[in-house]
Amino acid sequence: MLNRKVNKGIILAAGDGDRLGYLTLTCPKVLLPVNEEAPLISYPIKALAAAGISDIAIVVGYLGDKVIEVLGDGSSFSVRLEYIVNPDYLGGNAFSVHCARDWAQKEPVVLCMGDHLIEVEIVRRLLDRQNPTETLCVDFTPAPHHRVDEATKAAIDNAGCIQGIGKDLACWDALDTGTFLLTEDFFQALHELVQQRGTDVEMSDVIRFLVSRGHLFDT
């Protein structure tokens, strides 16, 4: 049975996708079509919707007006879409999450990246948890074609909790898939880091910060 304690989802769609060069000069990365069909961001939206989450905030920044124009109010996906503007989308990806802090209203949320292809089963497994707690969905068996050198890696203990995370880990167990379950504990830690560092805060920074304080971050 799905855990209805989690009713909200956040999708990050603020980045400028500069690594794709000319492809994102006039089109945000999340609107690029997959197989010349649906835009990238439609996959996390559909995954959340199929898992029963219909209240979704999309954090926009670079060419955000185009994202809003294409997706509208979400009725075509049978969800309610709200848009939150990140005024500093060149900062770390966790700052986009911070922009949605007030919208979350201290409720647990599922967080997805707008440029990731996500299967609904991943979201369902998150929602199946009896007690929502900080969780990162990871891939223990990445496919040969994955760009492991560019991926965020996680070191995980025998209890399934993260002990270390980052792109430069020498010893690691799994790859970050960009799908999270977050509670107010995460948002509080994130707020503290933003106050210390400004907008240059990544998701991995917040995880390391929580782990350093003895907070369990599950997988």
N, C-alpha and C. Protein backbone atom coordinates (compact mmCIF):
# COMPACT_ATOMS: atom_id res chain seq x y z
N MET A 1 0.85 -1.19 0.00
CA MET A 1 0.00 0.00 0.00
C MET A 1 0.89 1.24 0.00
N LEU A 2 0.54 2.23 -0.80
CA LEU A 2 1.33 3.44 -0.88
C LEU A 2 1.18 4.27 0.38
N ASN A 3 2.27 4.87 0.78
CA ASN A 3 2.29 5.71 1.97
C ASN A 3 1.75 7.09 1.61
N ARG A 4 0.54 7.39 2.03
CA ARG A 4 -0.07 8.66 1.66
C ARG A 4 0.40 9.81 2.55
N LYS A 5 1.41 9.54 3.41
CA LYS A 5 2.00 10.64 4.14
C LYS A 5 2.78 11.55 3.20
N VAL A 6 3.10 11.05 2.02
CA VAL A 6 3.84 11.83 1.03
C VAL A 6 2.89 12.17 -0.11
N ASN A 7 2.57 13.43 -0.24
CA ASN A 7 1.60 13.86 -1.24
C ASN A 7 2.15 14.87 -2.23
N LYS A 8 3.40 15.28 -2.04
CA LYS A 8 3.96 16.34 -2.88
C LYS A 8 5.23 15.89 -3.59
N GLY A 9 5.44 16.47 -4.76
CA GLY A 9 6.66 16.23 -5.50
C GLY A 9 7.27 17.54 -5.97
N ILE A 10 8.59 17.56 -6.06
CA ILE A 10 9.32 18.72 -6.58
C ILE A 10 10.19 18.24 -7.73
N ILE A 11 10.18 18.99 -8.82
CA ILE A 11 11.02 18.67 -9.98
C ILE A 11 11.90 19.88 -10.27
N LEU A 12 13.20 19.63 -10.37
CA LEU A 12 14.15 20.71 -10.64
C LEU A 12 14.32 20.89 -12.14
N ALA A 13 14.09 22.12 -12.61
CA ALA A 13 14.16 22.40 -14.05
C ALA A 13 14.75 23.78 -14.31
N ALA A 14 15.68 24.21 -13.46
CA ALA A 14 16.18 25.58 -13.54
C ALA A 14 17.48 25.74 -14.32
N GLY A 15 18.24 24.65 -14.47
CA GLY A 15 19.57 24.75 -15.05
C GLY A 15 19.59 25.17 -16.51
N ASP A 16 20.76 25.68 -16.95
CA ASP A 16 20.86 26.17 -18.32
C ASP A 16 21.36 25.12 -19.31
N GLY A 17 21.75 23.93 -18.83
CA GLY A 17 22.16 22.87 -19.74
C GLY A 17 23.29 23.27 -20.65
N ASP A 18 24.25 24.03 -20.14
CA ASP A 18 25.30 24.59 -20.99
C ASP A 18 26.20 23.53 -21.62
N ARG A 19 26.28 22.34 -21.01
CA ARG A 19 27.13 21.29 -21.59
C ARG A 19 26.60 20.78 -22.92
N LEU A 20 25.34 21.08 -23.22
CA LEU A 20 24.76 20.64 -24.49
C LEU A 20 24.95 21.65 -25.60
N GLY A 21 25.64 22.73 -25.31
CA GLY A 21 25.99 23.69 -26.35
C GLY A 21 24.79 24.33 -27.02
N TYR A 22 24.81 24.33 -28.36
CA TYR A 22 23.78 25.03 -29.13
C TYR A 22 22.38 24.48 -28.91
N LEU A 23 22.27 23.23 -28.46
CA LEU A 23 20.95 22.61 -28.29
C LEU A 23 20.10 23.35 -27.27
N THR A 24 20.76 24.00 -26.32
CA THR A 24 20.00 24.68 -25.26
C THR A 24 20.12 26.21 -25.34
N LEU A 25 20.54 26.72 -26.47
CA LEU A 25 20.62 28.17 -26.62
C LEU A 25 19.24 28.81 -26.57
N THR A 26 18.26 28.14 -27.16
CA THR A 26 16.90 28.70 -27.20
C THR A 26 15.87 27.75 -26.60
N CYS A 27 16.33 26.61 -26.09
CA CYS A 27 15.41 25.63 -25.51
C CYS A 27 16.00 25.10 -24.21
N PRO A 28 15.27 25.17 -23.10
CA PRO A 28 15.81 24.61 -21.86
C PRO A 28 16.00 23.10 -21.99
N LYS A 29 17.00 22.59 -21.31
CA LYS A 29 17.34 21.18 -21.41
C LYS A 29 16.15 20.27 -21.16
N VAL A 30 15.33 20.62 -20.18
CA VAL A 30 14.23 19.73 -19.79
C VAL A 30 13.15 19.62 -20.87
N LEU A 31 13.17 20.52 -21.85
CA LEU A 31 12.18 20.46 -22.93
C LEU A 31 12.71 19.76 -24.18
N LEU A 32 13.97 19.34 -24.16
CA LEU A 32 14.51 18.62 -25.31
C LEU A 32 13.75 17.30 -25.46
N PRO A 33 13.39 16.93 -26.69
CA PRO A 33 12.59 15.72 -26.89
C PRO A 33 13.42 14.45 -26.76
N VAL A 34 12.80 13.40 -26.26
CA VAL A 34 13.41 12.08 -26.19
C VAL A 34 12.87 11.27 -27.37
N ASN A 35 13.76 10.76 -28.20
CA ASN A 35 13.35 10.02 -29.41
C ASN A 35 12.40 10.85 -30.28
N GLU A 36 12.67 12.16 -30.32
CA GLU A 36 11.88 13.09 -31.14
C GLU A 36 10.41 13.11 -30.73
N GLU A 37 10.15 12.76 -29.48
CA GLU A 37 8.76 12.73 -29.01
C GLU A 37 8.60 13.63 -27.78
N ALA A 38 8.26 13.04 -26.65
CA ALA A 38 7.95 13.82 -25.44
C ALA A 38 9.20 14.47 -24.85
N PRO A 39 9.06 15.65 -24.24
CA PRO A 39 10.21 16.30 -23.61
C PRO A 39 10.69 15.54 -22.39
N LEU A 40 11.96 15.72 -22.07
CA LEU A 40 12.57 15.04 -20.93
C LEU A 40 11.75 15.16 -19.66
N ILE A 41 11.29 16.35 -19.35
CA ILE A 41 10.63 16.58 -18.07
C ILE A 41 9.29 15.86 -17.95
N SER A 42 8.75 15.42 -19.07
CA SER A 42 7.47 14.69 -19.00
C SER A 42 7.64 13.35 -18.28
N TYR A 43 8.84 12.79 -18.29
CA TYR A 43 9.06 11.49 -17.66
C TYR A 43 8.96 11.55 -16.14
N PRO A 44 9.65 12.47 -15.45
CA PRO A 44 9.42 12.55 -14.00
C PRO A 44 8.01 12.97 -13.64
N ILE A 45 7.39 13.83 -14.45
CA ILE A 45 6.00 14.22 -14.15
C ILE A 45 5.10 12.99 -14.21
N LYS A 46 5.24 12.20 -15.27
CA LYS A 46 4.40 11.01 -15.43
C LYS A 46 4.69 9.98 -14.34
N ALA A 47 5.94 9.85 -13.93
CA ALA A 47 6.28 8.89 -12.88
C ALA A 47 5.63 9.28 -11.56
N LEU A 48 5.69 10.57 -11.21
CA LEU A 48 5.03 11.03 -9.99
C LEU A 48 3.53 10.84 -10.07
N ALA A 49 2.96 11.19 -11.22
CA ALA A 49 1.51 11.07 -11.39
C ALA A 49 1.06 9.63 -11.27
N ALA A 50 1.78 8.71 -11.91
CA ALA A 50 1.41 7.30 -11.88
C ALA A 50 1.53 6.71 -10.49
N ALA A 51 2.40 7.30 -9.66
CA ALA A 51 2.57 6.83 -8.28
C ALA A 51 1.55 7.45 -7.34
N GLY A 52 0.72 8.35 -7.85
CA GLY A 52 -0.34 8.93 -7.04
C GLY A 52 -0.05 10.31 -6.51
N ILE A 53 1.07 10.92 -6.91
CA ILE A 53 1.39 12.28 -6.48
C ILE A 53 0.90 13.26 -7.53
N SER A 54 -0.04 14.09 -7.17
CA SER A 54 -0.64 15.01 -8.14
C SER A 54 -0.37 16.47 -7.84
N ASP A 55 0.30 16.75 -6.73
CA ASP A 55 0.63 18.13 -6.34
C ASP A 55 2.13 18.32 -6.55
N ILE A 56 2.50 18.98 -7.63
CA ILE A 56 3.91 19.03 -8.05
C ILE A 56 4.36 20.48 -8.26
N ALA A 57 5.51 20.80 -7.69
CA ALA A 57 6.14 22.10 -7.91
C ALA A 57 7.32 21.92 -8.85
N ILE A 58 7.40 22.76 -9.86
CA ILE A 58 8.53 22.73 -10.78
C ILE A 58 9.34 24.01 -10.57
N VAL A 59 10.61 23.83 -10.23
CA VAL A 59 11.49 24.98 -10.01
C VAL A 59 12.14 25.34 -11.34
N VAL A 60 11.85 26.53 -11.84
CA VAL A 60 12.35 26.96 -13.14
C VAL A 60 13.35 28.10 -12.96
N GLY A 61 14.13 28.32 -14.02
CA GLY A 61 15.11 29.40 -14.00
C GLY A 61 15.42 29.81 -15.42
N TYR A 62 16.41 29.15 -16.04
CA TYR A 62 16.81 29.44 -17.42
C TYR A 62 15.64 29.16 -18.37
N LEU A 63 15.25 30.17 -19.13
CA LEU A 63 14.13 30.06 -20.08
C LEU A 63 12.90 29.45 -19.41
N GLY A 64 12.68 29.85 -18.17
CA GLY A 64 11.56 29.29 -17.41
C GLY A 64 10.21 29.54 -18.04
N ASP A 65 10.05 30.67 -18.73
CA ASP A 65 8.77 30.97 -19.36
C ASP A 65 8.39 29.91 -20.39
N LYS A 66 9.40 29.35 -21.07
CA LYS A 66 9.11 28.32 -22.06
C LYS A 66 8.63 27.03 -21.40
N VAL A 67 9.22 26.70 -20.26
CA VAL A 67 8.78 25.51 -19.52
C VAL A 67 7.33 25.68 -19.10
N ILE A 68 6.99 26.84 -18.57
CA ILE A 68 5.62 27.11 -18.13
C ILE A 68 4.66 27.06 -19.31
N GLU A 69 5.08 27.63 -20.44
CA GLU A 69 4.21 27.66 -21.62
C GLU A 69 3.91 26.25 -22.13
N VAL A 70 4.91 25.39 -22.13
CA VAL A 70 4.73 24.03 -22.65
C VAL A 70 3.91 23.16 -21.70
N LEU A 71 4.19 23.23 -20.41
CA LEU A 71 3.55 22.33 -19.44
C LEU A 71 2.22 22.85 -18.91
N GLY A 72 2.06 24.16 -18.87
CA GLY A 72 0.80 24.73 -18.41
C GLY A 72 0.47 24.37 -16.98
N ASP A 73 -0.80 24.16 -16.72
CA ASP A 73 -1.24 23.90 -15.35
C ASP A 73 -1.14 22.44 -14.94
N GLY A 74 -0.68 21.60 -15.86
CA GLY A 74 -0.51 20.18 -15.55
C GLY A 74 -1.70 19.31 -15.87
N SER A 75 -2.79 19.91 -16.34
CA SER A 75 -4.00 19.13 -16.59
C SER A 75 -3.79 18.05 -17.64
N SER A 76 -2.87 18.27 -18.57
CA SER A 76 -2.62 17.24 -19.59
C SER A 76 -1.95 16.01 -19.00
N PHE A 77 -1.39 16.14 -17.79
CA PHE A 77 -0.79 15.01 -17.08
C PHE A 77 -1.67 14.54 -15.92
N SER A 78 -2.84 15.16 -15.77
CA SER A 78 -3.75 14.87 -14.65
C SER A 78 -3.10 15.19 -13.30
N VAL A 79 -2.30 16.28 -13.26
CA VAL A 79 -1.70 16.74 -12.02
C VAL A 79 -1.87 18.25 -11.91
N ARG A 80 -1.56 18.80 -10.74
CA ARG A 80 -1.55 20.24 -10.53
C ARG A 80 -0.09 20.70 -10.50
N LEU A 81 0.27 21.54 -11.43
CA LEU A 81 1.63 22.06 -11.48
C LEU A 81 1.67 23.49 -10.95
N GLU A 82 2.62 23.73 -10.07
CA GLU A 82 2.92 25.09 -9.62
C GLU A 82 4.37 25.38 -9.97
N TYR A 83 4.67 26.64 -10.24
CA TYR A 83 6.01 27.01 -10.67
C TYR A 83 6.66 27.93 -9.65
N ILE A 84 7.91 27.63 -9.36
CA ILE A 84 8.70 28.42 -8.43
C ILE A 84 9.95 28.87 -9.17
N VAL A 85 10.23 30.15 -9.14
CA VAL A 85 11.36 30.70 -9.89
C VAL A 85 12.62 30.73 -9.01
N ASN A 86 13.68 30.14 -9.53
CA ASN A 86 14.99 30.24 -8.89
C ASN A 86 15.71 31.45 -9.50
N PRO A 87 15.92 32.52 -8.74
CA PRO A 87 16.53 33.72 -9.31
C PRO A 87 18.02 33.58 -9.58
N ASP A 88 18.63 32.52 -9.05
CA ASP A 88 20.07 32.29 -9.26
C ASP A 88 20.28 30.86 -9.73
N TYR A 89 19.80 30.56 -10.94
CA TYR A 89 19.83 29.19 -11.43
C TYR A 89 21.24 28.70 -11.78
N LEU A 90 22.23 29.58 -11.76
CA LEU A 90 23.61 29.16 -11.99
C LEU A 90 24.27 28.68 -10.70
N GLY A 91 23.56 28.74 -9.59
CA GLY A 91 24.07 28.23 -8.32
C GLY A 91 23.94 26.72 -8.27
N GLY A 92 24.15 26.15 -7.08
CA GLY A 92 24.06 24.71 -6.92
C GLY A 92 22.63 24.21 -7.02
N ASN A 93 22.48 22.91 -7.36
CA ASN A 93 21.12 22.40 -7.55
C ASN A 93 20.30 22.38 -6.26
N ALA A 94 20.98 22.31 -5.12
CA ALA A 94 20.23 22.32 -3.86
C ALA A 94 19.58 23.67 -3.59
N PHE A 95 20.12 24.74 -4.20
CA PHE A 95 19.48 26.04 -4.00
C PHE A 95 18.10 26.06 -4.64
N SER A 96 17.92 25.32 -5.74
CA SER A 96 16.59 25.21 -6.34
C SER A 96 15.62 24.54 -5.37
N VAL A 97 16.12 23.54 -4.64
CA VAL A 97 15.28 22.88 -3.63
C VAL A 97 14.94 23.88 -2.52
N HIS A 98 15.90 24.68 -2.14
CA HIS A 98 15.67 25.69 -1.10
C HIS A 98 14.58 26.68 -1.52
N CYS A 99 14.53 26.99 -2.82
CA CYS A 99 13.50 27.91 -3.31
C CYS A 99 12.09 27.34 -3.09
N ALA A 100 11.99 26.01 -3.01
CA ALA A 100 10.69 25.36 -2.84
C ALA A 100 10.38 25.04 -1.38
N ARG A 101 11.21 25.53 -0.47
CA ARG A 101 11.03 25.18 0.94
C ARG A 101 9.68 25.62 1.47
N ASP A 102 9.28 26.84 1.21
CA ASP A 102 7.99 27.33 1.72
C ASP A 102 6.84 26.55 1.10
N TRP A 103 6.97 26.20 -0.17
CA TRP A 103 5.91 25.44 -0.84
C TRP A 103 5.72 24.07 -0.18
N ALA A 104 6.81 23.45 0.23
CA ALA A 104 6.73 22.11 0.84
C ALA A 104 5.97 22.14 2.16
N GLN A 105 6.01 23.27 2.87
CA GLN A 105 5.26 23.44 4.11
C GLN A 105 5.55 22.35 5.14
N LYS A 106 6.83 21.99 5.25
CA LYS A 106 7.30 21.01 6.24
C LYS A 106 6.76 19.61 6.01
N GLU A 107 6.20 19.36 4.85
CA GLU A 107 5.73 18.01 4.51
C GLU A 107 6.84 17.25 3.79
N PRO A 108 6.86 15.91 3.90
CA PRO A 108 7.83 15.13 3.12
C PRO A 108 7.50 15.24 1.63
N VAL A 109 8.53 15.24 0.81
CA VAL A 109 8.34 15.37 -0.63
C VAL A 109 9.23 14.38 -1.37
N VAL A 110 8.79 14.02 -2.57
CA VAL A 110 9.66 13.29 -3.50
C VAL A 110 10.30 14.32 -4.41
N LEU A 111 11.61 14.26 -4.52
CA LEU A 111 12.35 15.20 -5.37
C LEU A 111 12.90 14.46 -6.58
N CYS A 112 12.70 15.01 -7.76
CA CYS A 112 13.22 14.44 -9.00
C CYS A 112 13.96 15.51 -9.80
N MET A 113 14.89 15.07 -10.61
CA MET A 113 15.57 15.96 -11.54
C MET A 113 14.77 16.02 -12.85
N GLY A 114 14.59 17.21 -13.37
CA GLY A 114 13.77 17.37 -14.57
C GLY A 114 14.38 16.81 -15.82
N ASP A 115 15.69 16.49 -15.78
CA ASP A 115 16.36 15.97 -16.97
C ASP A 115 16.73 14.50 -16.83
N HIS A 116 16.07 13.78 -15.89
CA HIS A 116 16.32 12.36 -15.70
C HIS A 116 15.12 11.54 -16.16
N LEU A 117 15.39 10.41 -16.80
CA LEU A 117 14.32 9.47 -17.14
C LEU A 117 14.06 8.61 -15.92
N ILE A 118 12.84 8.64 -15.41
CA ILE A 118 12.52 7.99 -14.14
C ILE A 118 11.39 6.99 -14.34
N GLU A 119 11.56 5.80 -13.78
CA GLU A 119 10.52 4.78 -13.80
C GLU A 119 9.58 4.98 -12.61
N VAL A 120 8.30 4.75 -12.84
CA VAL A 120 7.33 4.94 -11.76
C VAL A 120 7.61 4.02 -10.59
N GLU A 121 8.18 2.84 -10.84
CA GLU A 121 8.42 1.89 -9.76
C GLU A 121 9.38 2.46 -8.72
N ILE A 122 10.31 3.31 -9.15
CA ILE A 122 11.23 3.94 -8.20
C ILE A 122 10.46 4.80 -7.21
N VAL A 123 9.52 5.58 -7.73
CA VAL A 123 8.73 6.45 -6.85
C VAL A 123 7.84 5.61 -5.95
N ARG A 124 7.25 4.57 -6.48
CA ARG A 124 6.37 3.72 -5.67
C ARG A 124 7.13 3.08 -4.51
N ARG A 125 8.36 2.67 -4.75
CA ARG A 125 9.14 2.05 -3.68
C ARG A 125 9.44 3.07 -2.58
N LEU A 126 9.66 4.31 -2.96
CA LEU A 126 9.84 5.36 -1.95
C LEU A 126 8.58 5.52 -1.12
N LEU A 127 7.44 5.53 -1.79
CA LEU A 127 6.18 5.76 -1.09
C LEU A 127 5.74 4.56 -0.26
N ASP A 128 6.32 3.41 -0.52
CA ASP A 128 5.99 2.21 0.25
C ASP A 128 6.61 2.22 1.65
N ARG A 129 7.54 3.11 1.89
CA ARG A 129 8.21 3.14 3.19
C ARG A 129 7.22 3.52 4.29
N GLN A 130 7.32 2.82 5.40
CA GLN A 130 6.37 3.04 6.49
C GLN A 130 6.54 4.42 7.13
N ASN A 131 7.79 4.83 7.31
CA ASN A 131 8.06 6.12 7.94
C ASN A 131 8.95 6.94 7.01
N PRO A 132 8.41 7.99 6.40
CA PRO A 132 9.22 8.80 5.49
C PRO A 132 10.46 9.35 6.18
N THR A 133 11.61 9.09 5.60
CA THR A 133 12.88 9.61 6.10
C THR A 133 13.76 9.91 4.90
N GLU A 134 14.82 10.67 5.10
CA GLU A 134 15.70 11.03 3.99
C GLU A 134 16.19 9.78 3.26
N THR A 135 15.95 9.75 1.96
CA THR A 135 16.32 8.58 1.16
C THR A 135 16.78 9.03 -0.22
N LEU A 136 17.85 8.42 -0.70
CA LEU A 136 18.32 8.63 -2.07
C LEU A 136 18.20 7.31 -2.81
N CYS A 137 17.52 7.32 -3.94
CA CYS A 137 17.46 6.13 -4.78
C CYS A 137 18.78 6.00 -5.53
N VAL A 138 19.38 4.82 -5.44
CA VAL A 138 20.69 4.61 -6.06
C VAL A 138 20.64 3.41 -7.00
N ASP A 139 21.64 3.34 -7.86
CA ASP A 139 21.77 2.24 -8.82
C ASP A 139 23.03 1.46 -8.47
N PHE A 140 22.85 0.23 -7.98
CA PHE A 140 23.99 -0.60 -7.59
C PHE A 140 24.64 -1.28 -8.79
N THR A 141 23.93 -1.36 -9.90
CA THR A 141 24.46 -2.05 -11.09
C THR A 141 24.31 -1.17 -12.32
N PRO A 142 25.08 -0.09 -12.41
CA PRO A 142 24.95 0.80 -13.57
C PRO A 142 25.29 0.09 -14.86
N ALA A 143 24.56 0.44 -15.91
CA ALA A 143 24.78 -0.17 -17.22
C ALA A 143 26.14 0.26 -17.78
N PRO A 144 26.72 -0.57 -18.67
CA PRO A 144 28.04 -0.26 -19.23
C PRO A 144 28.12 1.10 -19.92
N HIS A 145 26.99 1.58 -20.48
CA HIS A 145 27.03 2.84 -21.21
C HIS A 145 26.97 4.07 -20.30
N HIS A 146 26.77 3.87 -19.01
CA HIS A 146 26.69 5.01 -18.10
C HIS A 146 28.04 5.73 -18.01
N ARG A 147 27.99 7.06 -17.98
CA ARG A 147 29.21 7.87 -17.84
C ARG A 147 29.55 7.94 -16.35
N VAL A 148 30.14 6.86 -15.84
CA VAL A 148 30.42 6.76 -14.41
C VAL A 148 31.35 7.88 -13.95
N ASP A 149 32.26 8.31 -14.82
CA ASP A 149 33.21 9.35 -14.43
C ASP A 149 32.51 10.67 -14.12
N GLU A 150 31.34 10.90 -14.73
CA GLU A 150 30.60 12.14 -14.51
C GLU A 150 29.50 11.99 -13.45
N ALA A 151 29.26 10.77 -13.00
CA ALA A 151 28.14 10.51 -12.09
C ALA A 151 28.51 10.82 -10.64
N THR A 152 27.48 11.10 -9.84
CA THR A 152 27.67 11.24 -8.39
C THR A 152 27.62 9.85 -7.77
N LYS A 153 28.62 9.53 -6.99
CA LYS A 153 28.78 8.19 -6.44
C LYS A 153 28.50 8.21 -4.94
N ALA A 154 28.03 7.07 -4.43
CA ALA A 154 27.71 6.97 -3.01
C ALA A 154 28.38 5.77 -2.38
N ALA A 155 28.97 5.97 -1.21
CA ALA A 155 29.49 4.88 -0.39
C ALA A 155 28.43 4.55 0.64
N ILE A 156 28.05 3.27 0.71
CA ILE A 156 26.89 2.86 1.50
C ILE A 156 27.29 1.75 2.47
N ASP A 157 26.84 1.85 3.73
CA ASP A 157 27.20 0.83 4.71
C ASP A 157 26.26 -0.37 4.62
N ASN A 158 26.50 -1.36 5.48
CA ASN A 158 25.72 -2.60 5.43
C ASN A 158 24.25 -2.40 5.79
N ALA A 159 23.94 -1.29 6.46
CA ALA A 159 22.56 -1.00 6.81
C ALA A 159 21.84 -0.22 5.72
N GLY A 160 22.55 0.08 4.63
CA GLY A 160 21.94 0.80 3.52
C GLY A 160 21.97 2.30 3.67
N CYS A 161 22.78 2.81 4.59
CA CYS A 161 22.86 4.25 4.81
C CYS A 161 24.11 4.84 4.15
N ILE A 162 23.98 6.06 3.67
CA ILE A 162 25.08 6.72 2.98
C ILE A 162 26.16 7.13 3.97
N GLN A 163 27.40 6.79 3.64
CA GLN A 163 28.55 7.20 4.45
C GLN A 163 29.39 8.27 3.76
N GLY A 164 29.28 8.34 2.44
CA GLY A 164 30.00 9.34 1.68
C GLY A 164 29.35 9.51 0.32
N ILE A 165 29.48 10.69 -0.27
CA ILE A 165 28.86 10.94 -1.57
C ILE A 165 29.64 12.03 -2.31
N GLY A 166 29.77 11.87 -3.62
CA GLY A 166 30.46 12.86 -4.43
C GLY A 166 30.90 12.27 -5.75
N LYS A 167 31.31 13.10 -6.66
CA LYS A 167 31.75 12.63 -7.98
C LYS A 167 33.16 12.05 -7.95
N ASP A 168 33.93 12.38 -6.93
CA ASP A 168 35.34 11.98 -6.89
C ASP A 168 35.63 10.88 -5.89
N LEU A 169 34.62 10.17 -5.42
CA LEU A 169 34.86 9.08 -4.46
C LEU A 169 35.69 7.98 -5.11
N ALA A 170 36.77 7.56 -4.43
CA ALA A 170 37.61 6.48 -4.96
C ALA A 170 36.94 5.13 -4.74
N CYS A 171 36.29 4.97 -3.59
CA CYS A 171 35.60 3.71 -3.27
C CYS A 171 34.11 4.01 -3.12
N TRP A 172 33.30 3.35 -3.91
CA TRP A 172 31.87 3.63 -3.88
C TRP A 172 31.09 2.35 -4.16
N ASP A 173 29.80 2.39 -3.87
CA ASP A 173 28.96 1.20 -4.01
C ASP A 173 27.84 1.36 -5.02
N ALA A 174 27.42 2.60 -5.28
CA ALA A 174 26.27 2.82 -6.16
C ALA A 174 26.31 4.24 -6.72
N LEU A 175 25.45 4.48 -7.72
CA LEU A 175 25.35 5.79 -8.33
C LEU A 175 24.06 6.49 -7.93
N ASP A 176 24.14 7.77 -7.75
CA ASP A 176 23.00 8.63 -7.46
C ASP A 176 22.08 8.68 -8.68
N THR A 177 20.78 8.40 -8.49
CA THR A 177 19.83 8.43 -9.61
C THR A 177 19.08 9.75 -9.72
N GLY A 178 19.26 10.63 -8.73
CA GLY A 178 18.58 11.92 -8.79
C GLY A 178 17.15 11.91 -8.30
N THR A 179 16.75 10.85 -7.60
CA THR A 179 15.40 10.77 -7.04
C THR A 179 15.52 10.60 -5.52
N PHE A 180 14.83 11.46 -4.78
CA PHE A 180 14.98 11.52 -3.33
C PHE A 180 13.63 11.54 -2.63
N LEU A 181 13.64 11.11 -1.37
CA LEU A 181 12.55 11.39 -0.44
C LEU A 181 13.14 12.30 0.63
N LEU A 182 12.55 13.47 0.81
CA LEU A 182 13.10 14.46 1.73
C LEU A 182 12.07 14.88 2.76
N THR A 183 12.55 15.14 3.98
CA THR A 183 11.67 15.63 5.04
C THR A 183 12.16 17.02 5.48
N GLU A 184 11.50 17.57 6.47
CA GLU A 184 11.86 18.89 6.96
C GLU A 184 13.29 18.92 7.50
N ASP A 185 13.80 17.77 7.96
CA ASP A 185 15.19 17.73 8.43
C ASP A 185 16.15 18.16 7.33
N PHE A 186 15.88 17.70 6.11
CA PHE A 186 16.73 18.07 4.98
C PHE A 186 16.62 19.57 4.71
N PHE A 187 15.40 20.08 4.69
CA PHE A 187 15.20 21.49 4.38
C PHE A 187 15.85 22.39 5.44
N GLN A 188 15.83 21.97 6.69
CA GLN A 188 16.47 22.76 7.75
C GLN A 188 17.98 22.79 7.56
N ALA A 189 18.56 21.62 7.25
CA ALA A 189 20.01 21.56 7.02
C ALA A 189 20.39 22.38 5.79
N LEU A 190 19.58 22.28 4.75
CA LEU A 190 19.82 23.05 3.54
C LEU A 190 19.77 24.55 3.82
N HIS A 191 18.79 24.97 4.59
CA HIS A 191 18.67 26.39 4.92
C HIS A 191 19.91 26.88 5.67
N GLU A 192 20.42 26.05 6.56
CA GLU A 192 21.62 26.43 7.31
C GLU A 192 22.82 26.59 6.38
N LEU A 193 22.96 25.68 5.42
CA LEU A 193 24.07 25.77 4.47
C LEU A 193 23.94 26.98 3.55
N VAL A 194 22.72 27.27 3.12
CA VAL A 194 22.52 28.45 2.26
C VAL A 194 22.87 29.72 3.02
N GLN A 195 22.54 29.76 4.29
CA GLN A 195 22.90 30.93 5.09
C GLN A 195 24.42 31.08 5.21
N GLN A 196 25.13 29.94 5.23
CA GLN A 196 26.58 29.97 5.36
C GLN A 196 27.28 30.27 4.03
N ARG A 197 26.79 29.65 2.94
CA ARG A 197 27.52 29.66 1.67
C ARG A 197 26.85 30.45 0.56
N GLY A 198 25.62 30.82 0.73
CA GLY A 198 24.89 31.44 -0.36
C GLY A 198 24.28 30.38 -1.26
N THR A 199 24.21 30.67 -2.55
CA THR A 199 23.49 29.78 -3.47
C THR A 199 24.31 28.61 -3.97
N ASP A 200 25.60 28.57 -3.68
CA ASP A 200 26.47 27.53 -4.21
C ASP A 200 26.44 26.29 -3.32
N VAL A 201 25.29 25.63 -3.30
CA VAL A 201 25.11 24.43 -2.48
C VAL A 201 24.53 23.32 -3.35
N GLU A 202 25.19 22.17 -3.34
CA GLU A 202 24.72 21.02 -4.11
C GLU A 202 24.01 20.03 -3.18
N MET A 203 23.23 19.14 -3.77
CA MET A 203 22.55 18.11 -2.98
C MET A 203 23.55 17.29 -2.18
N SER A 204 24.68 16.95 -2.80
CA SER A 204 25.69 16.16 -2.10
C SER A 204 26.22 16.88 -0.87
N ASP A 205 26.32 18.21 -0.94
CA ASP A 205 26.78 18.99 0.21
C ASP A 205 25.84 18.81 1.40
N VAL A 206 24.55 18.83 1.12
CA VAL A 206 23.56 18.71 2.20
C VAL A 206 23.60 17.31 2.80
N ILE A 207 23.74 16.30 1.94
CA ILE A 207 23.82 14.92 2.44
C ILE A 207 25.03 14.75 3.35
N ARG A 208 26.19 15.24 2.89
CA ARG A 208 27.40 15.13 3.71
C ARG A 208 27.24 15.88 5.04
N PHE A 209 26.60 17.02 4.98
CA PHE A 209 26.36 17.82 6.19
C PHE A 209 25.50 17.05 7.18
N LEU A 210 24.43 16.43 6.70
CA LEU A 210 23.56 15.66 7.58
C LEU A 210 24.28 14.45 8.15
N VAL A 211 25.01 13.73 7.30
CA VAL A 211 25.73 12.53 7.75
C VAL A 211 26.77 12.91 8.80
N SER A 212 27.44 14.04 8.62
CA SER A 212 28.46 14.47 9.58
C SER A 212 27.86 14.76 10.95
N ARG A 213 26.56 15.03 10.97
CA ARG A 213 25.86 15.29 12.24
C ARG A 213 25.18 14.04 12.80
N GLY A 214 25.46 12.91 12.18
CA GLY A 214 24.90 11.66 12.67
C GLY A 214 23.51 11.34 12.17
N HIS A 215 23.04 12.10 11.18
CA HIS A 215 21.71 11.86 10.61
C HIS A 215 21.80 10.72 9.60
N LEU A 216 20.90 9.76 9.69
CA LEU A 216 20.90 8.64 8.77
C LEU A 216 20.25 9.04 7.45
N PHE A 217 20.97 8.83 6.36
CA PHE A 217 20.44 9.10 5.02
C PHE A 217 20.36 7.77 4.31
N ASP A 218 19.15 7.28 4.13
CA ASP A 218 18.90 5.92 3.65
C ASP A 218 19.03 5.82 2.13
N THR A 219 19.06 4.56 1.64
CA THR A 219 19.05 4.31 0.20
C THR A 219 18.04 3.22 -0.10
